PDB file of N, CA and C in Angstrom:
ATOM      1  N   MET A   1    -220.269  42.818-125.881  1.00  0.00           N
ATOM      2  CA  MET A   1    -222.037  42.723-126.142  1.00  0.00           C
ATOM      3  C   MET A   1    -222.875  42.219-125.016  1.00  0.00           C
ATOM      4  N   ALA A   2    -223.955  42.705-125.151  1.00  0.00           N
ATOM      5  CA  ALA A   2    -224.831  42.467-123.605  1.00  0.00           C
ATOM      6  C   ALA A   2    -225.328  41.160-124.037  1.00  0.00           C
ATOM      7  N   GLU A   3    -225.434  40.649-123.049  1.00  0.00           N
ATOM      8  CA  GLU A   3    -226.060  39.457-122.789  1.00  0.00           C
ATOM      9  C   GLU A   3    -227.715  39.301-123.098  1.00  0.00           C
ATOM     10  N   VAL A   4    -228.513  38.147-124.057  1.00  0.00           N
ATOM     11  CA  VAL A   4    -229.769  38.546-124.121  1.00  0.00           C
ATOM     12  C   VAL A   4    -230.415  37.898-123.140  1.00  0.00           C
ATOM     13  N   LYS A   5    -231.541  38.280-122.316  1.00  0.00           N
ATOM     14  CA  LYS A   5    -232.019  37.615-121.311  1.00  0.00           C
ATOM     15  C   LYS A   5    -233.245  37.105-121.607  1.00  0.00           C
ATOM     16  N   ASN A   6    -233.821  36.966-122.736  1.00  0.00           N
ATOM     17  CA  ASN A   6    -235.273  36.431-122.958  1.00  0.00           C
ATOM     18  C   ASN A   6    -235.262  35.349-123.963  1.00  0.00           C
ATOM     19  N   ILE A   7    -233.795  34.712-124.062  1.00  0.00           N
ATOM     20  CA  ILE A   7    -233.830  33.318-124.757  1.00  0.00           C
ATOM     21  C   ILE A   7    -233.122  32.391-123.637  1.00  0.00           C
ATOM     22  N   ILE A   8    -233.696  31.403-123.695  1.00  0.00           N
ATOM     23  CA  ILE A   8    -233.057  29.899-122.904  1.00  0.00           C
ATOM     24  C   ILE A   8    -232.185  29.268-123.635  1.00  0.00           C
ATOM     25  N   THR A   9    -231.018  29.528-123.286  1.00  0.00           N
ATOM     26  CA  THR A   9    -229.924  28.897-123.976  1.00  0.00           C
ATOM     27  C   THR A   9    -229.601  27.454-123.538  1.00  0.00           C
ATOM     28  N   LYS A  10    -228.892  26.916-124.288  1.00  0.00           N
ATOM     29  CA  LYS A  10    -228.459  25.619-124.118  1.00  0.00           C
ATOM     30  C   LYS A  10    -227.502  25.525-122.922  1.00  0.00           C
ATOM     31  N   GLU A  11    -226.729  26.648-122.942  1.00  0.00           N
ATOM     32  CA  GLU A  11    -225.801  26.937-121.644  1.00  0.00           C
ATOM     33  C   GLU A  11    -226.490  27.203-120.474  1.00  0.00           C
ATOM     34  N   LYS A  12    -227.642  27.610-120.424  1.00  0.00           N
ATOM     35  CA  LYS A  12    -228.403  28.246-119.243  1.00  0.00           C
ATOM     36  C   LYS A  12    -229.373  26.812-118.713  1.00  0.00           C
ATOM     37  N   LEU A  13    -229.682  26.252-119.665  1.00  0.00           N
ATOM     38  CA  LEU A  13    -230.414  25.202-119.233  1.00  0.00           C
ATOM     39  C   LEU A  13    -229.365  23.903-118.604  1.00  0.00           C
ATOM     40  N   GLU A  14    -228.194  23.672-119.129  1.00  0.00           N
ATOM     41  CA  GLU A  14    -227.404  22.873-118.643  1.00  0.00           C
ATOM     42  C   GLU A  14    -226.938  23.510-116.959  1.00  0.00           C
ATOM     43  N   LYS A  15    -226.941  24.402-117.145  1.00  0.00           N
ATOM     44  CA  LYS A  15    -226.684  25.314-115.803  1.00  0.00           C
ATOM     45  C   LYS A  15    -227.507  24.820-114.559  1.00  0.00           C
ATOM     46  N   TYR A  16    -228.948  25.108-115.040  1.00  0.00           N
ATOM     47  CA  TYR A  16    -229.888  24.641-114.086  1.00  0.00           C
ATOM     48  C   TYR A  16    -229.967  23.276-114.078  1.00  0.00           C
ATOM     49  N   PHE A  17    -229.708  22.257-114.807  1.00  0.00           N
ATOM     50  CA  PHE A  17    -229.610  20.867-114.538  1.00  0.00           C
ATOM     51  C   PHE A  17    -228.933  20.357-113.527  1.00  0.00           C
ATOM     52  N   SER A  18    -227.479  21.035-113.687  1.00  0.00           N
ATOM     53  CA  SER A  18    -226.307  20.790-112.870  1.00  0.00           C
ATOM     54  C   SER A  18    -226.775  21.183-111.306  1.00  0.00           C
ATOM     55  N   ILE A  19    -227.306  22.122-111.293  1.00  0.00           N
ATOM     56  CA  ILE A  19    -227.759  22.758-109.938  1.00  0.00           C
ATOM     57  C   ILE A  19    -229.085  21.827-109.088  1.00  0.00           C
ATOM     58  N   THR A  20    -229.718  21.282-110.043  1.00  0.00           N
ATOM     59  CA  THR A  20    -231.122  20.375-109.413  1.00  0.00           C
ATOM     60  C   THR A  20    -230.555  19.288-109.466  1.00  0.00           C
ATOM     61  N   ARG A  21    -229.708  18.569-110.236  1.00  0.00           N
ATOM     62  CA  ARG A  21    -229.165  17.423-110.403  1.00  0.00           C
ATOM     63  C   ARG A  21    -228.421  17.288-108.963  1.00  0.00           C
ATOM     64  N   LYS A  22    -227.752  18.192-108.513  1.00  0.00           N
ATOM     65  CA  LYS A  22    -227.091  18.247-107.004  1.00  0.00           C
ATOM     66  C   LYS A  22    -227.713  18.130-106.015  1.00  0.00           C
ATOM     67  N   ALA A  23    -228.831  18.877-106.199  1.00  0.00           N
ATOM     68  CA  ALA A  23    -229.783  18.917-105.253  1.00  0.00           C
ATOM     69  C   ALA A  23    -230.516  17.662-105.113  1.00  0.00           C
ATOM     70  N   LEU A  24    -231.022  17.143-106.000  1.00  0.00           N
ATOM     71  CA  LEU A  24    -231.725  15.734-105.859  1.00  0.00           C
ATOM     72  C   LEU A  24    -230.807  14.853-105.365  1.00  0.00           C
ATOM     73  N   GLU A  25    -229.437  14.668-105.759  1.00  0.00           N
ATOM     74  CA  GLU A  25    -228.630  13.857-105.401  1.00  0.00           C
ATOM     75  C   GLU A  25    -228.394  14.106-103.581  1.00  0.00           C
ATOM     76  N   MET A  26    -228.473  15.474-103.318  1.00  0.00           N
ATOM     77  CA  MET A  26    -228.496  15.577-101.937  1.00  0.00           C
ATOM     78  C   MET A  26    -229.538  14.901-101.075  1.00  0.00           C
ATOM     79  N   VAL A  27    -230.570  15.246-101.834  1.00  0.00           N
ATOM     80  CA  VAL A  27    -231.860  15.126-101.055  1.00  0.00           C
ATOM     81  C   VAL A  27    -232.045  13.443-100.943  1.00  0.00           C
ATOM     82  N   ASN A  28    -231.484  12.829-102.308  1.00  0.00           N
ATOM     83  CA  ASN A  28    -231.671  11.320-102.135  1.00  0.00           C
ATOM     84  C   ASN A  28    -230.841  10.695-100.682  1.00  0.00           C
ATOM     85  N   SER A  29    -229.909  11.314-100.488  1.00  0.00           N
ATOM     86  CA  SER A  29    -228.508  10.817 -99.744  1.00  0.00           C
ATOM     87  C   SER A  29    -229.047  11.558 -98.002  1.00  0.00           C
ATOM     88  N   ALA A  30    -229.854  12.373 -98.283  1.00  0.00           N
ATOM     89  CA  ALA A  30    -229.931  12.892 -96.474  1.00  0.00           C
ATOM     90  C   ALA A  30    -230.842  12.319 -95.779  1.00  0.00           C
ATOM     91  N   LYS A  31    -230.780  12.560 -94.626  1.00  0.00           N
ATOM     92  CA  LYS A  31    -231.978  12.137 -93.746  1.00  0.00           C
ATOM     93  C   LYS A  31    -233.517  12.860 -94.348  1.00  0.00           C
ATOM     94  N   LYS A  32    -234.472  11.787 -93.913  1.00  0.00           N
ATOM     95  CA  LYS A  32    -235.781  12.661 -94.357  1.00  0.00           C
ATOM     96  C   LYS A  32    -236.715  12.635 -92.909  1.00  0.00           C
ATOM     97  N   ASP A  33    -237.826  13.203 -92.886  1.00  0.00           N
ATOM     98  CA  ASP A  33    -238.556  13.392 -92.049  1.00  0.00           C
ATOM     99  C   ASP A  33    -239.496  12.184 -91.737  1.00  0.00           C
ATOM    100  N   GLU A  34    -239.178  10.834 -90.979  1.00  0.00           N
ATOM    101  CA  GLU A  34    -239.682   9.677 -91.466  1.00  0.00           C
ATOM    102  C   GLU A  34    -241.385   9.482 -90.674  1.00  0.00           C
ATOM    103  N   SER A  35    -241.298  10.661 -89.876  1.00  0.00           N
ATOM    104  CA  SER A  35    -243.016  10.926 -89.349  1.00  0.00           C
ATOM    105  C   SER A  35    -243.950  11.474 -90.409  1.00  0.00           C
ATOM    106  N   ARG A  36    -243.388  11.682 -91.890  1.00  0.00           N
ATOM    107  CA  ARG A  36    -244.038  12.314 -92.587  1.00  0.00           C
ATOM    108  C   ARG A  36    -243.795  11.515 -93.821  1.00  0.00           C
ATOM    109  N   LYS A  37    -243.395  10.186 -93.833  1.00  0.00           N
ATOM    110  CA  LYS A  37    -242.999   9.484 -95.004  1.00  0.00           C
ATOM    111  C   LYS A  37    -243.861   9.703 -96.205  1.00  0.00           C
ATOM    112  N   ASP A  38    -244.971   9.622 -96.157  1.00  0.00           N
ATOM    113  CA  ASP A  38    -245.855   9.563 -97.212  1.00  0.00           C
ATOM    114  C   ASP A  38    -245.403  10.792 -98.317  1.00  0.00           C
ATOM    115  N   MET A  39    -245.551  11.841 -97.405  1.00  0.00           N
ATOM    116  CA  MET A  39    -245.349  13.155 -98.176  1.00  0.00           C
ATOM    117  C   MET A  39    -243.982  13.506 -98.626  1.00  0.00           C
ATOM    118  N   VAL A  40    -243.073  12.911 -97.781  1.00  0.00           N
ATOM    119  CA  VAL A  40    -241.571  12.759 -98.333  1.00  0.00           C
ATOM    120  C   VAL A  40    -241.443  12.135 -99.837  1.00  0.00           C
ATOM    121  N   LEU A  41    -241.841  10.790 -99.765  1.00  0.00           N
ATOM    122  CA  LEU A  41    -242.075  10.205-100.880  1.00  0.00           C
ATOM    123  C   LEU A  41    -242.765  10.858-101.859  1.00  0.00           C
ATOM    124  N   ASP A  42    -243.817  11.217-101.653  1.00  0.00           N
ATOM    125  CA  ASP A  42    -244.750  12.044-102.626  1.00  0.00           C
ATOM    126  C   ASP A  42    -243.656  13.392-103.261  1.00  0.00           C
ATOM    127  N   PHE A  43    -243.114  14.377-102.514  1.00  0.00           N
ATOM    128  CA  PHE A  43    -242.361  15.342-102.983  1.00  0.00           C
ATOM    129  C   PHE A  43    -241.162  14.896-103.735  1.00  0.00           C
ATOM    130  N   LEU A  44    -240.686  14.090-103.440  1.00  0.00           N
ATOM    131  CA  LEU A  44    -239.237  13.293-104.035  1.00  0.00           C
ATOM    132  C   LEU A  44    -239.940  12.496-105.260  1.00  0.00           C
ATOM    133  N   ASP A  45    -240.874  12.211-105.378  1.00  0.00           N
ATOM    134  CA  ASP A  45    -241.611  11.438-106.874  1.00  0.00           C
ATOM    135  C   ASP A  45    -241.902  12.806-107.797  1.00  0.00           C
ATOM    136  N   MET A  46    -242.598  13.748-107.164  1.00  0.00           N
ATOM    137  CA  MET A  46    -242.779  14.659-108.273  1.00  0.00           C
ATOM    138  C   MET A  46    -241.726  15.673-108.655  1.00  0.00           C
ATOM    139  N   ALA A  47    -240.699  15.660-108.028  1.00  0.00           N
ATOM    140  CA  ALA A  47    -239.195  16.303-108.389  1.00  0.00           C
ATOM    141  C   ALA A  47    -238.607  15.267-109.141  1.00  0.00           C
ATOM    142  N   THR A  48    -238.675  13.893-109.014  1.00  0.00           N
ATOM    143  CA  THR A  48    -237.871  13.395-110.059  1.00  0.00           C
ATOM    144  C   THR A  48    -238.609  13.067-111.311  1.00  0.00           C
ATOM    145  N   ARG A  49    -239.939  13.051-111.203  1.00  0.00           N
ATOM    146  CA  ARG A  49    -240.874  13.218-112.380  1.00  0.00           C
ATOM    147  C   ARG A  49    -240.409  14.216-113.403  1.00  0.00           C
ATOM    148  N   TYR A  50    -240.394  15.474-112.663  1.00  0.00           N
ATOM    149  CA  TYR A  50    -240.036  16.640-113.708  1.00  0.00           C
ATOM    150  C   TYR A  50    -238.870  16.707-113.943  1.00  0.00           C
ATOM    151  N   PHE A  51    -238.130  16.189-113.296  1.00  0.00           N
ATOM    152  CA  PHE A  51    -236.642  16.314-113.789  1.00  0.00           C
ATOM    153  C   PHE A  51    -236.383  15.360-114.975  1.00  0.00           C
ATOM    154  N   ASN A  52    -237.007  14.229-115.015  1.00  0.00           N
ATOM    155  CA  ASN A  52    -237.175  13.476-115.922  1.00  0.00           C
ATOM    156  C   ASN A  52    -237.811  14.090-117.324  1.00  0.00           C
ATOM    157  N   ASP A  53    -239.092  14.813-116.880  1.00  0.00           N
ATOM    158  CA  ASP A  53    -239.812  15.472-117.982  1.00  0.00           C
ATOM    159  C   ASP A  53    -238.711  16.492-118.636  1.00  0.00           C
ATOM    160  N   ALA A  54    -237.771  16.882-117.979  1.00  0.00           N
ATOM    161  CA  ALA A  54    -237.173  18.324-118.224  1.00  0.00           C
ATOM    162  C   ALA A  54    -235.955  17.826-119.268  1.00  0.00           C
ATOM    163  N   LYS A  55    -235.432  16.420-118.561  1.00  0.00           N
ATOM    164  CA  LYS A  55    -234.601  15.750-119.408  1.00  0.00           C
ATOM    165  C   LYS A  55    -235.173  15.387-120.857  1.00  0.00           C
ATOM    166  N   TYR A  56    -236.197  14.873-121.281  1.00  0.00           N
ATOM    167  CA  TYR A  56    -236.997  14.499-122.223  1.00  0.00           C
ATOM    168  C   TYR A  56    -237.100  15.688-123.162  1.00  0.00           C
ATOM    169  N   PHE A  57    -237.751  16.632-122.633  1.00  0.00           N
ATOM    170  CA  PHE A  57    -237.983  17.970-123.469  1.00  0.00           C
ATOM    171  C   PHE A  57    -236.833  18.582-123.660  1.00  0.00           C
ATOM    172  N   TYR A  58    -235.308  18.620-122.864  1.00  0.00           N
ATOM    173  CA  TYR A  58    -234.405  19.131-123.558  1.00  0.00           C
ATOM    174  C   TYR A  58    -233.813  18.091-124.882  1.00  0.00           C
ATOM    175  N   SER A  59    -233.780  16.809-124.747  1.00  0.00           N
ATOM    176  CA  SER A  59    -233.389  15.792-125.547  1.00  0.00           C
ATOM    177  C   SER A  59    -234.261  15.818-126.928  1.00  0.00           C
ATOM    178  N   ASN A  60    -235.604  16.727-126.859  1.00  0.00           N
ATOM    179  CA  ASN A  60    -236.276  16.797-127.935  1.00  0.00           C
ATOM    180  C   ASN A  60    -236.119  18.439-128.599  1.00  0.00           C
ATOM    181  N   GLY A  61    -234.862  19.171-127.837  1.00  0.00           N
ATOM    182  CA  GLY A  61    -234.731  20.378-128.499  1.00  0.00           C
ATOM    183  C   GLY A  61    -235.987  21.181-127.880  1.00  0.00           C
ATOM    184  N   ASP A  62    -236.963  21.048-127.028  1.00  0.00           N
ATOM    185  CA  ASP A  62    -238.230  21.760-126.416  1.00  0.00           C
ATOM    186  C   ASP A  62    -237.437  22.516-125.295  1.00  0.00           C
ATOM    187  N   TYR A  63    -236.559  23.622-125.104  1.00  0.00           N
ATOM    188  CA  TYR A  63    -235.885  24.024-124.322  1.00  0.00           C
ATOM    189  C   TYR A  63    -236.937  24.920-123.283  1.00  0.00           C
ATOM    190  N   ILE A  64    -237.799  25.419-123.740  1.00  0.00           N
ATOM    191  CA  ILE A  64    -239.023  25.999-123.173  1.00  0.00           C
ATOM    192  C   ILE A  64    -239.584  25.398-121.756  1.00  0.00           C
ATOM    193  N   ASN A  65    -240.216  24.111-122.512  1.00  0.00           N
ATOM    194  CA  ASN A  65    -240.755  22.984-121.581  1.00  0.00           C
ATOM    195  C   ASN A  65    -239.667  22.444-120.640  1.00  0.00           C
ATOM    196  N   ALA A  66    -238.596  22.301-121.092  1.00  0.00           N
ATOM    197  CA  ALA A  66    -237.391  21.994-120.342  1.00  0.00           C
ATOM    198  C   ALA A  66    -236.976  22.812-118.983  1.00  0.00           C
ATOM    199  N   PHE A  67    -237.055  24.020-119.472  1.00  0.00           N
ATOM    200  CA  PHE A  67    -236.688  25.221-118.274  1.00  0.00           C
ATOM    201  C   PHE A  67    -238.019  25.175-117.599  1.00  0.00           C
ATOM    202  N   ALA A  68    -239.200  25.055-117.836  1.00  0.00           N
ATOM    203  CA  ALA A  68    -240.132  24.954-116.867  1.00  0.00           C
ATOM    204  C   ALA A  68    -240.333  23.921-116.038  1.00  0.00           C
ATOM    205  N   ALA A  69    -240.040  22.746-116.623  1.00  0.00           N
ATOM    206  CA  ALA A  69    -239.879  21.435-115.535  1.00  0.00           C
ATOM    207  C   ALA A  69    -238.554  21.374-115.192  1.00  0.00           C
ATOM    208  N   ILE A  70    -237.649  21.866-115.247  1.00  0.00           N
ATOM    209  CA  ILE A  70    -236.299  21.658-114.474  1.00  0.00           C
ATOM    210  C   ILE A  70    -236.594  22.886-113.136  1.00  0.00           C
ATOM    211  N   ASN A  71    -237.418  23.743-113.172  1.00  0.00           N
ATOM    212  CA  ASN A  71    -237.613  24.828-112.199  1.00  0.00           C
ATOM    213  C   ASN A  71    -238.585  24.170-111.355  1.00  0.00           C
ATOM    214  N   TYR A  72    -239.877  23.290-112.184  1.00  0.00           N
ATOM    215  CA  TYR A  72    -240.606  22.816-111.245  1.00  0.00           C
ATOM    216  C   TYR A  72    -239.997  21.503-110.167  1.00  0.00           C
ATOM    217  N   ALA A  73    -239.205  20.838-111.033  1.00  0.00           N
ATOM    218  CA  ALA A  73    -238.311  19.819-110.020  1.00  0.00           C
ATOM    219  C   ALA A  73    -237.535  20.465-108.987  1.00  0.00           C
ATOM    220  N   HIS A  74    -237.282  21.216-109.018  1.00  0.00           N
ATOM    221  CA  HIS A  74    -236.281  22.193-108.143  1.00  0.00           C
ATOM    222  C   HIS A  74    -237.290  22.734-107.010  1.00  0.00           C
ATOM    223  N   GLY A  75    -238.364  23.144-107.365  1.00  0.00           N
ATOM    224  CA  GLY A  75    -239.206  23.865-106.640  1.00  0.00           C
ATOM    225  C   GLY A  75    -239.793  22.591-105.653  1.00  0.00           C
ATOM    226  N   TRP A  76    -239.964  21.487-106.307  1.00  0.00           N
ATOM    227  CA  TRP A  76    -240.592  20.535-105.327  1.00  0.00           C
ATOM    228  C   TRP A  76    -239.199  20.254-104.306  1.00  0.00           C
ATOM    229  N   LEU A  77    -238.189  20.133-104.454  1.00  0.00           N
ATOM    230  CA  LEU A  77    -237.031  19.859-103.798  1.00  0.00           C
ATOM    231  C   LEU A  77    -236.821  20.904-102.976  1.00  0.00           C
ATOM    232  N   ASP A  78    -236.779  21.855-103.405  1.00  0.00           N
ATOM    233  CA  ASP A  78    -236.906  23.122-102.361  1.00  0.00           C
ATOM    234  C   ASP A  78    -237.786  23.341-101.298  1.00  0.00           C
ATOM    235  N   SER A  79    -239.280  22.949-101.839  1.00  0.00           N
ATOM    236  CA  SER A  79    -240.162  23.004-100.753  1.00  0.00           C
ATOM    237  C   SER A  79    -240.080  21.995 -99.670  1.00  0.00           C
ATOM    238  N   GLY A  80    -239.623  20.812-100.143  1.00  0.00           N
ATOM    239  CA  GLY A  80    -239.565  19.786 -99.263  1.00  0.00           C
ATOM    240  C   GLY A  80    -238.317  20.255 -98.036  1.00  0.00           C
ATOM    241  N   ALA A  81    -237.335  20.613 -98.624  1.00  0.00           N
ATOM    242  CA  ALA A  81    -236.314  20.981 -97.773  1.00  0.00           C
ATOM    243  C   ALA A  81    -236.637  22.334 -96.740  1.00  0.00           C
ATOM    244  N   ARG A  82    -237.217  23.329 -97.346  1.00  0.00           N
ATOM    245  CA  ARG A  82    -238.034  24.228 -96.540  1.00  0.00           C
ATOM    246  C   ARG A  82    -238.885  23.826 -95.447  1.00  0.00           C
ATOM    247  N   SER A  83    -239.720  22.824 -95.833  1.00  0.00           N
ATOM    248  CA  SER A  83    -240.508  22.353 -94.972  1.00  0.00           C
ATOM    249  C   SER A  83    -240.208  21.163 -94.082  1.00  0.00           C
ATOM    250  N   LYS A  84    -238.875  21.012 -94.265  1.00  0.00           N
ATOM    251  CA  LYS A  84    -238.234  20.149 -93.460  1.00  0.00           C
ATOM    252  C   LYS A  84    -238.641  18.728 -93.865  1.00  0.00           C
ATOM    253  N   LEU A  85    -239.080  18.212 -94.953  1.00  0.00           N
ATOM    254  CA  LEU A  85    -239.210  16.965 -95.110  1.00  0.00           C
ATOM    255  C   LEU A  85    -237.941  16.282 -95.516  1.00  0.00           C
ATOM    256  N   PHE A  86    -237.283  17.184 -95.911  1.00  0.00           N
ATOM    257  CA  PHE A  86    -235.447  16.663 -96.673  1.00  0.00           C
ATOM    258  C   PHE A  86    -234.852  17.643 -95.561  1.00  0.00           C
ATOM    259  N   LEU A  87    -234.207  16.842 -94.625  1.00  0.00           N
ATOM    260  CA  LEU A  87    -233.036  17.684 -93.700  1.00  0.00           C
ATOM    261  C   LEU A  87    -231.992  17.679 -94.430  1.00  0.00           C
ATOM    262  N   VAL A  88    -231.896  18.703 -95.338  1.00  0.00           N
ATOM    263  CA  VAL A  88    -230.481  19.430 -95.948  1.00  0.00           C
ATOM    264  C   VAL A  88    -230.292  20.700 -95.205  1.00  0.00           C
ATOM    265  N   LYS A  89    -228.723  20.843 -95.298  1.00  0.00           N
ATOM    266  CA  LYS A  89    -228.268  22.328 -95.028  1.00  0.00           C
ATOM    267  C   LYS A  89    -227.494  22.845 -96.140  1.00  0.00           C
ATOM    268  N   ASP A  90    -227.880  23.253 -96.861  1.00  0.00           N
ATOM    269  CA  ASP A  90    -227.297  24.090 -98.160  1.00  0.00           C
ATOM    270  C   ASP A  90    -227.709  24.989 -98.842  1.00  0.00           C
ATOM    271  N   SER A  91    -227.588  26.235 -98.273  1.00  0.00           N
ATOM    272  CA  SER A  91    -228.108  27.431 -98.610  1.00  0.00           C
ATOM    273  C   SER A  91    -227.748  27.790-100.197  1.00  0.00           C
ATOM    274  N   LYS A  92    -227.411  27.046-100.776  1.00  0.00           N
ATOM    275  CA  LYS A  92    -226.771  27.325-102.056  1.00  0.00           C
ATOM    276  C   LYS A  92    -227.886  26.449-103.071  1.00  0.00           C
ATOM    277  N   LEU A  93    -227.865  25.972-102.626  1.00  0.00           N
ATOM    278  CA  LEU A  93    -229.109  24.609-103.378  1.00  0.00           C
ATOM    279  C   LEU A  93    -230.508  25.091-103.072  1.00  0.00           C
ATOM    280  N   PHE A  94    -230.841  25.271-101.525  1.00  0.00           N
ATOM    281  CA  PHE A  94    -232.121  25.559-100.953  1.00  0.00           C
ATOM    282  C   PHE A  94    -231.984  26.678-100.244  1.00  0.00           C
ATOM    283  N   THR A  95    -233.364  27.005 -99.959  1.00  0.00           N
ATOM    284  CA  THR A  95    -233.721  28.116 -99.141  1.00  0.00           C
ATOM    285  C   THR A  95    -233.908  27.810 -97.555  1.00  0.00           C
ATOM    286  N   VAL A  96    -232.685  26.950 -97.217  1.00  0.00           N
ATOM    287  CA  VAL A  96    -232.661  26.777 -95.988  1.00  0.00           C
ATOM    288  C   VAL A  96    -231.009  27.378 -95.190  1.00  0.00           C
ATOM    289  N   ASP A  97    -231.167  27.339 -93.832  1.00  0.00           N
ATOM    290  CA  ASP A  97    -230.110  28.017 -93.526  1.00  0.00           C
ATOM    291  C   ASP A  97    -228.958  26.440 -93.314  1.00  0.00           C
ATOM    292  N   ASP A  98    -227.841  27.064 -93.334  1.00  0.00           N
ATOM    293  CA  ASP A  98    -226.533  26.200 -93.313  1.00  0.00           C
ATOM    294  C   ASP A  98    -226.109  25.370 -91.853  1.00  0.00           C
ATOM    295  N   ASP A  99    -227.206  26.481 -91.034  1.00  0.00           N
ATOM    296  CA  ASP A  99    -226.653  25.660 -89.377  1.00  0.00           C
ATOM    297  C   ASP A  99    -227.762  24.950 -89.193  1.00  0.00           C
TER     298      ASP A  99
END
């Protein structure tokens, strides 16, 4: 049976939650650019807020908004990693080099 690609399933959301949760945990424990502390805190705050919004939408069965919010959360984390606010090296979770 062919996979339906235009439906946000519970399984797909759980996969994205897992990936973003790992990224958030990694960022929280990683070194950060202390010279841009205000930006670091802002990016982390936005990622956390969107992650919490995604959990809220998910718990209320609103998979579309949960999917949007979880992707925004990961986008903030990835942007912070890419701009070296968060000093992480994991090309599976972020668009950064592993070395």
